[in-house]
């Protein structure tokens, strides 16, 4: 199974018809890819996104800390197919 562009597959890419007529594993579904909201605000940090940009699955945003602060964690987050930003977020301390 595969989905049309703009949709994400939830479930297995393959299924087999069983002797009782059921599919195993269950047949997957295709759900629309949800856009992400603006990137998370992180204290003492700025991100690389353009103001007013639309964020779709697979897009990434990188963060950098203000002078005097050090970045902890991975410097970027990615928009996931579920419409959320990947975790964990970086921190500036």
PDB file of N, CA and C in Angstrom:
ATOM      1  N   UNK A   1       0.842  -1.182   0.000  1.00  0.00           N
ATOM      2  CA  UNK A   1       0.000   0.000   0.000  1.00  0.00           C
ATOM      3  C   UNK A   1       0.877   1.232   0.000  1.00  0.00           C
ATOM      4  N   UNK A   2       0.425   2.277  -0.647  1.00  0.00           N
ATOM      5  CA  UNK A   2       1.060   3.587  -0.561  1.00  0.00           C
ATOM      6  C   UNK A   2      -0.016   4.629  -0.777  1.00  0.00           C
ATOM      7  N   UNK A   3       0.239   5.813  -0.270  1.00  0.00           N
ATOM      8  CA  UNK A   3      -0.739   6.891  -0.341  1.00  0.00           C
ATOM      9  C   UNK A   3      -0.369   7.891  -1.429  1.00  0.00           C
ATOM     10  N   UNK A   4      -1.364   8.627  -1.880  1.00  0.00           N
ATOM     11  CA  UNK A   4      -1.143   9.696  -2.843  1.00  0.00           C
ATOM     12  C   UNK A   4      -0.367  10.834  -2.164  1.00  0.00           C
ATOM     13  N   UNK A   5       0.312  11.688  -2.951  1.00  0.00           N
ATOM     14  CA  UNK A   5       1.007  12.833  -2.351  1.00  0.00           C
ATOM     15  C   UNK A   5       0.043  13.668  -1.502  1.00  0.00           C
ATOM     16  N   UNK A   6       0.553  14.155  -0.387  1.00  0.00           N
ATOM     17  CA  UNK A   6      -0.266  14.947   0.521  1.00  0.00           C
ATOM     18  C   UNK A   6      -0.943  14.115   1.603  1.00  0.00           C
ATOM     19  N   UNK A   7      -0.699  12.798   1.561  1.00  0.00           N
ATOM     20  CA  UNK A   7      -1.274  11.893   2.554  1.00  0.00           C
ATOM     21  C   UNK A   7      -0.169  11.034   3.144  1.00  0.00           C
ATOM     22  N   UNK A   8      -0.362  10.593   4.382  1.00  0.00           N
ATOM     23  CA  UNK A   8       0.607   9.740   5.055  1.00  0.00           C
ATOM     24  C   UNK A   8      -0.068   8.412   5.405  1.00  0.00           C
ATOM     25  N   UNK A   9       0.674   7.322   5.254  1.00  0.00           N
ATOM     26  CA  UNK A   9       0.161   5.984   5.526  1.00  0.00           C
ATOM     27  C   UNK A   9       0.256   5.666   7.010  1.00  0.00           C
ATOM     28  N   UNK A  10      -0.848   5.223   7.599  1.00  0.00           N
ATOM     29  CA  UNK A  10      -0.885   4.804   8.999  1.00  0.00           C
ATOM     30  C   UNK A  10      -1.199   3.321   9.018  1.00  0.00           C
ATOM     31  N   UNK A  11      -0.222   2.510   9.354  1.00  0.00           N
ATOM     32  CA  UNK A  11      -0.372   1.063   9.372  1.00  0.00           C
ATOM     33  C   UNK A  11       0.737   0.426   8.553  1.00  0.00           C
ATOM     34  N   UNK A  12       0.552  -0.831   8.239  1.00  0.00           N
ATOM     35  CA  UNK A  12       1.565  -1.586   7.512  1.00  0.00           C
ATOM     36  C   UNK A  12       1.479  -1.315   6.009  1.00  0.00           C
ATOM     37  N   UNK A  13       2.629  -1.372   5.343  1.00  0.00           N
ATOM     38  CA  UNK A  13       2.678  -1.200   3.891  1.00  0.00           C
ATOM     39  C   UNK A  13       2.192  -2.447   3.158  1.00  0.00           C
ATOM     40  N   UNK A  14       2.072  -3.571   3.875  1.00  0.00           N
ATOM     41  CA  UNK A  14       1.655  -4.830   3.270  1.00  0.00           C
ATOM     42  C   UNK A  14       0.607  -5.510   4.134  1.00  0.00           C
ATOM     43  N   UNK A  15      -0.283  -6.271   3.488  1.00  0.00           N
ATOM     44  CA  UNK A  15      -1.267  -7.092   4.190  1.00  0.00           C
ATOM     45  C   UNK A  15      -1.539  -8.321   3.328  1.00  0.00           C
ATOM     46  N   UNK A  16      -1.895  -9.417   3.971  1.00  0.00           N
ATOM     47  CA  UNK A  16      -2.207 -10.657   3.254  1.00  0.00           C
ATOM     48  C   UNK A  16      -3.626 -11.084   3.596  1.00  0.00           C
ATOM     49  N   UNK A  17      -4.314 -11.568   2.567  1.00  0.00           N
ATOM     50  CA  UNK A  17      -5.665 -12.083   2.779  1.00  0.00           C
ATOM     51  C   UNK A  17      -5.569 -13.440   3.467  1.00  0.00           C
ATOM     52  N   UNK A  18      -6.254 -13.577   4.582  1.00  0.00           N
ATOM     53  CA  UNK A  18      -6.240 -14.807   5.369  1.00  0.00           C
ATOM     54  C   UNK A  18      -7.342 -15.760   4.873  1.00  0.00           C
ATOM     55  N   UNK A  19      -7.249 -17.052   5.207  1.00  0.00           N
ATOM     56  CA  UNK A  19      -8.257 -18.023   4.775  1.00  0.00           C
ATOM     57  C   UNK A  19      -9.689 -17.639   5.162  1.00  0.00           C
ATOM     58  N   UNK A  20      -9.831 -16.892   6.270  1.00  0.00           N
ATOM     59  CA  UNK A  20     -11.184 -16.495   6.689  1.00  0.00           C
ATOM     60  C   UNK A  20     -11.661 -15.214   6.016  1.00  0.00           C
ATOM     61  N   UNK A  21     -10.857 -14.674   5.071  1.00  0.00           N
ATOM     62  CA  UNK A  21     -11.256 -13.481   4.322  1.00  0.00           C
ATOM     63  C   UNK A  21     -10.829 -12.163   4.949  1.00  0.00           C
ATOM     64  N   UNK A  22     -10.181 -12.216   6.115  1.00  0.00           N
ATOM     65  CA  UNK A  22      -9.696 -10.988   6.760  1.00  0.00           C
ATOM     66  C   UNK A  22      -8.303 -10.673   6.232  1.00  0.00           C
ATOM     67  N   UNK A  23      -7.921  -9.411   6.329  1.00  0.00           N
ATOM     68  CA  UNK A  23      -6.574  -8.984   5.978  1.00  0.00           C
ATOM     69  C   UNK A  23      -5.729  -8.935   7.240  1.00  0.00           C
ATOM     70  N   UNK A  24      -4.489  -9.411   7.159  1.00  0.00           N
ATOM     71  CA  UNK A  24      -3.582  -9.369   8.306  1.00  0.00           C
ATOM     72  C   UNK A  24      -2.223  -8.888   7.837  1.00  0.00           C
ATOM     73  N   UNK A  25      -1.629  -7.888   8.476  1.00  0.00           N
ATOM     74  CA  UNK A  25      -2.309  -7.047   9.475  1.00  0.00           C
ATOM     75  C   UNK A  25      -3.428  -6.250   8.824  1.00  0.00           C
ATOM     76  N   UNK A  26      -4.155  -5.507   9.631  1.00  0.00           N
ATOM     77  CA  UNK A  26      -5.287  -4.728   9.124  1.00  0.00           C
ATOM     78  C   UNK A  26      -4.840  -3.802   7.993  1.00  0.00           C
ATOM     79  N   UNK A  27      -5.760  -3.547   7.069  1.00  0.00           N
ATOM     80  CA  UNK A  27      -5.471  -2.658   5.944  1.00  0.00           C
ATOM     81  C   UNK A  27      -5.206  -1.253   6.490  1.00  0.00           C
ATOM     82  N   UNK A  28      -4.137  -0.594   6.020  1.00  0.00           N
ATOM     83  CA  UNK A  28      -3.800   0.742   6.534  1.00  0.00           C
ATOM     84  C   UNK A  28      -4.755   1.803   6.008  1.00  0.00           C
ATOM     85  N   UNK A  29      -4.626   2.989   6.557  1.00  0.00           N
ATOM     86  CA  UNK A  29      -5.407   4.129   6.081  1.00  0.00           C
ATOM     87  C   UNK A  29      -4.457   5.229   5.633  1.00  0.00           C
ATOM     88  N   UNK A  30      -4.945   6.095   4.771  1.00  0.00           N
ATOM     89  CA  UNK A  30      -4.192   7.264   4.315  1.00  0.00           C
ATOM     90  C   UNK A  30      -4.848   8.494   4.928  1.00  0.00           C
ATOM     91  N   UNK A  31      -4.086   9.240   5.689  1.00  0.00           N
ATOM     92  CA  UNK A  31      -4.592  10.439   6.347  1.00  0.00           C
ATOM     93  C   UNK A  31      -3.904  11.659   5.758  1.00  0.00           C
ATOM     94  N   UNK A  32      -4.618  12.779   5.646  1.00  0.00           N
ATOM     95  CA  UNK A  32      -3.974  13.972   5.099  1.00  0.00           C
ATOM     96  C   UNK A  32      -2.793  14.417   5.961  1.00  0.00           C
ATOM     97  N   UNK A  33      -1.731  14.878   5.303  1.00  0.00           N
ATOM     98  CA  UNK A  33      -0.575  15.424   6.010  1.00  0.00           C
ATOM     99  C   UNK A  33      -1.010  16.755   6.602  1.00  0.00           C
ATOM    100  N   UNK A  34      -0.795  16.921   7.894  1.00  0.00           N
ATOM    101  CA  UNK A  34      -1.202  18.147   8.572  1.00  0.00           C
ATOM    102  C   UNK A  34      -0.042  19.133   8.616  1.00  0.00           C
ATOM    103  N   UNK A  35      -0.317  20.414   8.381  1.00  0.00           N
ATOM    104  CA  UNK A  35       0.758  21.401   8.507  1.00  0.00           C
ATOM    105  C   UNK A  35       1.101  21.615   9.975  1.00  0.00           C
ATOM    106  N   UNK A  36       2.311  22.035  10.236  1.00  0.00           N
ATOM    107  CA  UNK A  36       2.730  22.371  11.596  1.00  0.00           C
ATOM    108  C   UNK A  36       2.432  23.840  11.874  1.00  0.00           C
ATOM    109  N   UNK A  37       2.185  24.170  13.133  1.00  0.00           N
ATOM    110  CA  UNK A  37       2.051  25.582  13.509  1.00  0.00           C
ATOM    111  C   UNK A  37       3.420  26.254  13.402  1.00  0.00           C
ATOM    112  N   UNK A  38       3.498  27.547  13.652  1.00  0.00           N
ATOM    113  CA  UNK A  38       4.819  28.189  13.661  1.00  0.00           C
ATOM    114  C   UNK A  38       5.759  27.451  14.615  1.00  0.00           C
ATOM    115  N   UNK A  39       7.068  27.500  14.354  1.00  0.00           N
ATOM    116  CA  UNK A  39       8.028  26.783  15.209  1.00  0.00           C
ATOM    117  C   UNK A  39       7.904  27.203  16.667  1.00  0.00           C
ATOM    118  N   UNK A  40       8.225  26.283  17.580  1.00  0.00           N
ATOM    119  CA  UNK A  40       8.121  26.609  19.000  1.00  0.00           C
ATOM    120  C   UNK A  40       9.038  27.770  19.392  1.00  0.00           C
ATOM    121  N   UNK A  41       8.557  28.569  20.334  1.00  0.00           N
ATOM    122  CA  UNK A  41       9.365  29.658  20.877  1.00  0.00           C
ATOM    123  C   UNK A  41      10.248  29.066  21.964  1.00  0.00           C
ATOM    124  N   UNK A  42      11.533  29.292  21.860  1.00  0.00           N
ATOM    125  CA  UNK A  42      12.493  28.786  22.834  1.00  0.00           C
ATOM    126  C   UNK A  42      13.189  29.994  23.460  1.00  0.00           C
ATOM    127  N   UNK A  43      13.172  30.055  24.782  1.00  0.00           N
ATOM    128  CA  UNK A  43      13.746  31.186  25.506  1.00  0.00           C
ATOM    129  C   UNK A  43      15.202  31.407  25.109  1.00  0.00           C
ATOM    130  N   UNK A  44      15.551  32.640  24.840  1.00  0.00           N
ATOM    131  CA  UNK A  44      16.908  33.084  24.526  1.00  0.00           C
ATOM    132  C   UNK A  44      17.423  32.512  23.200  1.00  0.00           C
ATOM    133  N   UNK A  45      16.496  32.156  22.295  1.00  0.00           N
ATOM    134  CA  UNK A  45      16.898  31.576  21.004  1.00  0.00           C
ATOM    135  C   UNK A  45      16.154  32.234  19.853  1.00  0.00           C
ATOM    136  N   UNK A  46      16.750  32.156  18.684  1.00  0.00           N
ATOM    137  CA  UNK A  46      16.094  32.555  17.445  1.00  0.00           C
ATOM    138  C   UNK A  46      16.145  31.354  16.508  1.00  0.00           C
ATOM    139  N   UNK A  47      15.197  31.315  15.568  1.00  0.00           N
ATOM    140  CA  UNK A  47      15.179  30.206  14.612  1.00  0.00           C
ATOM    141  C   UNK A  47      15.319  30.727  13.188  1.00  0.00           C
ATOM    142  N   UNK A  48      15.562  29.797  12.274  1.00  0.00           N
ATOM    143  CA  UNK A  48      15.867  30.140  10.887  1.00  0.00           C
ATOM    144  C   UNK A  48      14.640  30.316   9.998  1.00  0.00           C
ATOM    145  N   UNK A  49      13.440  30.148  10.530  1.00  0.00           N
ATOM    146  CA  UNK A  49      12.234  30.210   9.704  1.00  0.00           C
ATOM    147  C   UNK A  49      11.912  31.637   9.285  1.00  0.00           C
ATOM    148  N   UNK A  50      11.332  31.745   8.088  1.00  0.00           N
ATOM    149  CA  UNK A  50      10.877  33.044   7.611  1.00  0.00           C
ATOM    150  C   UNK A  50       9.522  33.350   8.232  1.00  0.00           C
ATOM    151  N   UNK A  51       9.286  34.594   8.546  1.00  0.00           N
ATOM    152  CA  UNK A  51       8.023  35.022   9.131  1.00  0.00           C
ATOM    153  C   UNK A  51       6.887  34.715   8.161  1.00  0.00           C
ATOM    154  N   UNK A  52       5.832  34.062   8.641  1.00  0.00           N
ATOM    155  CA  UNK A  52       4.672  33.757   7.815  1.00  0.00           C
ATOM    156  C   UNK A  52       4.821  32.526   6.935  1.00  0.00           C
ATOM    157  N   UNK A  53       5.908  31.774   7.073  1.00  0.00           N
ATOM    158  CA  UNK A  53       6.120  30.581   6.244  1.00  0.00           C
ATOM    159  C   UNK A  53       5.123  29.486   6.613  1.00  0.00           C
ATOM    160  N   UNK A  54       4.804  28.632   5.647  1.00  0.00           N
ATOM    161  CA  UNK A  54       3.981  27.450   5.900  1.00  0.00           C
ATOM    162  C   UNK A  54       4.912  26.271   6.122  1.00  0.00           C
ATOM    163  N   UNK A  55       4.605  25.428   7.087  1.00  0.00           N
ATOM    164  CA  UNK A  55       5.472  24.317   7.444  1.00  0.00           C
ATOM    165  C   UNK A  55       4.765  22.992   7.185  1.00  0.00           C
ATOM    166  N   UNK A  56       5.354  22.180   6.317  1.00  0.00           N
ATOM    167  CA  UNK A  56       4.792  20.885   5.981  1.00  0.00           C
ATOM    168  C   UNK A  56       5.750  19.783   6.424  1.00  0.00           C
ATOM    169  N   UNK A  57       5.253  18.577   6.414  1.00  0.00           N
ATOM    170  CA  UNK A  57       6.017  17.418   6.863  1.00  0.00           C
ATOM    171  C   UNK A  57       7.398  17.357   6.214  1.00  0.00           C
ATOM    172  N   UNK A  58       8.412  17.167   7.055  1.00  0.00           N
ATOM    173  CA  UNK A  58       9.788  17.052   6.576  1.00  0.00           C
ATOM    174  C   UNK A  58      10.580  18.340   6.636  1.00  0.00           C
ATOM    175  N   UNK A  59       9.910  19.475   6.782  1.00  0.00           N
ATOM    176  CA  UNK A  59      10.640  20.746   6.872  1.00  0.00           C
ATOM    177  C   UNK A  59      11.299  20.866   8.238  1.00  0.00           C
ATOM    178  N   UNK A  60      12.482  21.462   8.264  1.00  0.00           N
ATOM    179  CA  UNK A  60      13.228  21.642   9.512  1.00  0.00           C
ATOM    180  C   UNK A  60      13.485  23.116   9.770  1.00  0.00           C
ATOM    181  N   UNK A  61      13.660  23.440  11.040  1.00  0.00           N
ATOM    182  CA  UNK A  61      14.004  24.781  11.483  1.00  0.00           C
ATOM    183  C   UNK A  61      15.178  24.642  12.441  1.00  0.00           C
ATOM    184  N   UNK A  62      16.205  25.462  12.253  1.00  0.00           N
ATOM    185  CA  UNK A  62      17.378  25.432  13.133  1.00  0.00           C
ATOM    186  C   UNK A  62      17.333  26.608  14.102  1.00  0.00           C
ATOM    187  N   UNK A  63      17.836  26.369  15.307  1.00  0.00           N
ATOM    188  CA  UNK A  63      17.875  27.386  16.357  1.00  0.00           C
ATOM    189  C   UNK A  63      19.314  27.780  16.667  1.00  0.00           C
ATOM    190  N   UNK A  64      19.482  29.020  17.075  1.00  0.00           N
ATOM    191  CA  UNK A  64      20.759  29.482  17.597  1.00  0.00           C
ATOM    192  C   UNK A  64      20.464  30.334  18.831  1.00  0.00           C
ATOM    193  N   UNK A  65      21.379  30.311  19.770  1.00  0.00           N
ATOM    194  CA  UNK A  65      21.183  31.014  21.038  1.00  0.00           C
ATOM    195  C   UNK A  65      21.700  32.444  20.956  1.00  0.00           C
ATOM    196  N   UNK A  66      21.105  33.286  21.765  1.00  0.00           N
ATOM    197  CA  UNK A  66      21.556  34.665  21.884  1.00  0.00           C
ATOM    198  C   UNK A  66      22.927  34.674  22.554  1.00  0.00           C
ATOM    199  N   UNK A  67      23.704  35.748  22.346  1.00  0.00           N
ATOM    200  CA  UNK A  67      25.024  35.826  22.978  1.00  0.00           C
ATOM    201  C   UNK A  67      24.932  35.603  24.493  1.00  0.00           C
ATOM    202  N   UNK A  68      25.885  34.825  25.005  1.00  0.00           N
ATOM    203  CA  UNK A  68      25.926  34.534  26.428  1.00  0.00           C
ATOM    204  C   UNK A  68      25.191  33.257  26.812  1.00  0.00           C
ATOM    205  N   UNK A  69      24.528  32.626  25.847  1.00  0.00           N
ATOM    206  CA  UNK A  69      23.802  31.389  26.120  1.00  0.00           C
ATOM    207  C   UNK A  69      24.368  30.272  25.256  1.00  0.00           C
ATOM    208  N   UNK A  70      24.322  29.048  25.778  1.00  0.00           N
ATOM    209  CA  UNK A  70      24.814  27.873  25.053  1.00  0.00           C
ATOM    210  C   UNK A  70      23.647  26.975  24.678  1.00  0.00           C
ATOM    211  N   UNK A  71      23.699  26.420  23.473  1.00  0.00           N
ATOM    212  CA  UNK A  71      22.649  25.544  23.003  1.00  0.00           C
ATOM    213  C   UNK A  71      22.827  24.141  23.593  1.00  0.00           C
ATOM    214  N   UNK A  72      21.751  23.609  24.144  1.00  0.00           N
ATOM    215  CA  UNK A  72      21.747  22.250  24.694  1.00  0.00           C
ATOM    216  C   UNK A  72      20.784  21.413  23.863  1.00  0.00           C
ATOM    217  N   UNK A  73      21.244  20.265  23.393  1.00  0.00           N
ATOM    218  CA  UNK A  73      20.407  19.395  22.576  1.00  0.00           C
ATOM    219  C   UNK A  73      20.676  19.596  21.100  1.00  0.00           C
ATOM    220  N   UNK A  74      19.846  18.964  20.278  1.00  0.00           N
ATOM    221  CA  UNK A  74      19.986  19.073  18.826  1.00  0.00           C
ATOM    222  C   UNK A  74      19.480  20.439  18.390  1.00  0.00           C
ATOM    223  N   UNK A  75      20.194  21.136  17.505  1.00  0.00           N
ATOM    224  CA  UNK A  75      19.831  22.511  17.162  1.00  0.00           C
ATOM    225  C   UNK A  75      18.606  22.670  16.269  1.00  0.00           C
ATOM    226  N   UNK A  76      18.033  21.566  15.754  1.00  0.00           N
ATOM    227  CA  UNK A  76      16.893  21.732  14.855  1.00  0.00           C
ATOM    228  C   UNK A  76      15.731  20.828  15.246  1.00  0.00           C
ATOM    229  N   UNK A  77      14.540  21.229  14.792  1.00  0.00           N
ATOM    230  CA  UNK A  77      13.324  20.438  14.944  1.00  0.00           C
ATOM    231  C   UNK A  77      12.719  20.274  13.549  1.00  0.00           C
ATOM    232  N   UNK A  78      11.936  19.208  13.368  1.00  0.00           N
ATOM    233  CA  UNK A  78      11.326  18.921  12.072  1.00  0.00           C
ATOM    234  C   UNK A  78       9.815  18.831  12.212  1.00  0.00           C
ATOM    235  N   UNK A  79       9.122  19.265  11.172  1.00  0.00           N
ATOM    236  CA  UNK A  79       7.668  19.140  11.125  1.00  0.00           C
ATOM    237  C   UNK A  79       7.340  17.687  10.776  1.00  0.00           C
ATOM    238  N   UNK A  80       6.522  17.046  11.599  1.00  0.00           N
ATOM    239  CA  UNK A  80       6.164  15.648  11.370  1.00  0.00           C
ATOM    240  C   UNK A  80       4.832  15.555  10.620  1.00  0.00           C
ATOM    241  N   UNK A  81       4.546  14.377  10.090  1.00  0.00           N
ATOM    242  CA  UNK A  81       3.310  14.167   9.331  1.00  0.00           C
ATOM    243  C   UNK A  81       2.065  14.359  10.189  1.00  0.00           C
ATOM    244  N   UNK A  82       2.209  14.263  11.513  1.00  0.00           N
ATOM    245  CA  UNK A  82       1.061  14.445  12.405  1.00  0.00           C
ATOM    246  C   UNK A  82       0.771  15.922  12.686  1.00  0.00           C
ATOM    247  N   UNK A  83       1.609  16.820  12.128  1.00  0.00           N
ATOM    248  CA  UNK A  83       1.390  18.250  12.333  1.00  0.00           C
ATOM    249  C   UNK A  83       2.018  18.797  13.594  1.00  0.00           C
ATOM    250  N   UNK A  84       2.959  18.056  14.171  1.00  0.00           N
ATOM    251  CA  UNK A  84       3.666  18.494  15.379  1.00  0.00           C
ATOM    252  C   UNK A  84       5.150  18.618  15.082  1.00  0.00           C
ATOM    253  N   UNK A  85       5.838  19.420  15.871  1.00  0.00           N
ATOM    254  CA  UNK A  85       7.292  19.547  15.760  1.00  0.00           C
ATOM    255  C   UNK A  85       7.952  18.409  16.528  1.00  0.00           C
ATOM    256  N   UNK A  86       9.037  17.888  16.000  1.00  0.00           N
ATOM    257  CA  UNK A  86       9.746  16.768  16.636  1.00  0.00           C
ATOM    258  C   UNK A  86      10.292  17.186  18.007  1.00  0.00           C
ATOM    259  N   UNK A  87      10.387  16.207  18.878  1.00  0.00           N
ATOM    260  CA  UNK A  87      10.910  16.412  20.229  1.00  0.00           C
ATOM    261  C   UNK A  87      12.236  15.686  20.370  1.00  0.00           C
ATOM    262  N   UNK A  88      13.050  16.046  21.313  1.00  0.00           N
ATOM    263  CA  UNK A  88      12.894  17.172  22.235  1.00  0.00           C
ATOM    264  C   UNK A  88      13.350  18.481  21.578  1.00  0.00           C
ATOM    265  N   UNK A  89      12.842  19.578  22.079  1.00  0.00           N
ATOM    266  CA  UNK A  89      13.266  20.887  21.602  1.00  0.00           C
ATOM    267  C   UNK A  89      14.639  21.213  22.194  1.00  0.00           C
ATOM    268  N   UNK A  90      15.451  21.980  21.469  1.00  0.00           N
ATOM    269  CA  UNK A  90      16.711  22.431  22.064  1.00  0.00           C
ATOM    270  C   UNK A  90      16.434  23.467  23.158  1.00  0.00           C
ATOM    271  N   UNK A  91      17.454  23.741  23.968  1.00  0.00           N
ATOM    272  CA  UNK A  91      17.347  24.760  25.015  1.00  0.00           C
ATOM    273  C   UNK A  91      18.573  25.658  24.950  1.00  0.00           C
ATOM    274  N   UNK A  92      18.409  26.877  25.433  1.00  0.00           N
ATOM    275  CA  UNK A  92      19.534  27.792  25.562  1.00  0.00           C
ATOM    276  C   UNK A  92      19.701  28.102  27.043  1.00  0.00           C
ATOM    277  N   UNK A  93      20.880  27.794  27.561  1.00  0.00           N
ATOM    278  CA  UNK A  93      21.098  28.000  29.001  1.00  0.00           C
ATOM    279  C   UNK A  93      22.399  28.766  29.209  1.00  0.00           C
TER     280      UNK A  93
END
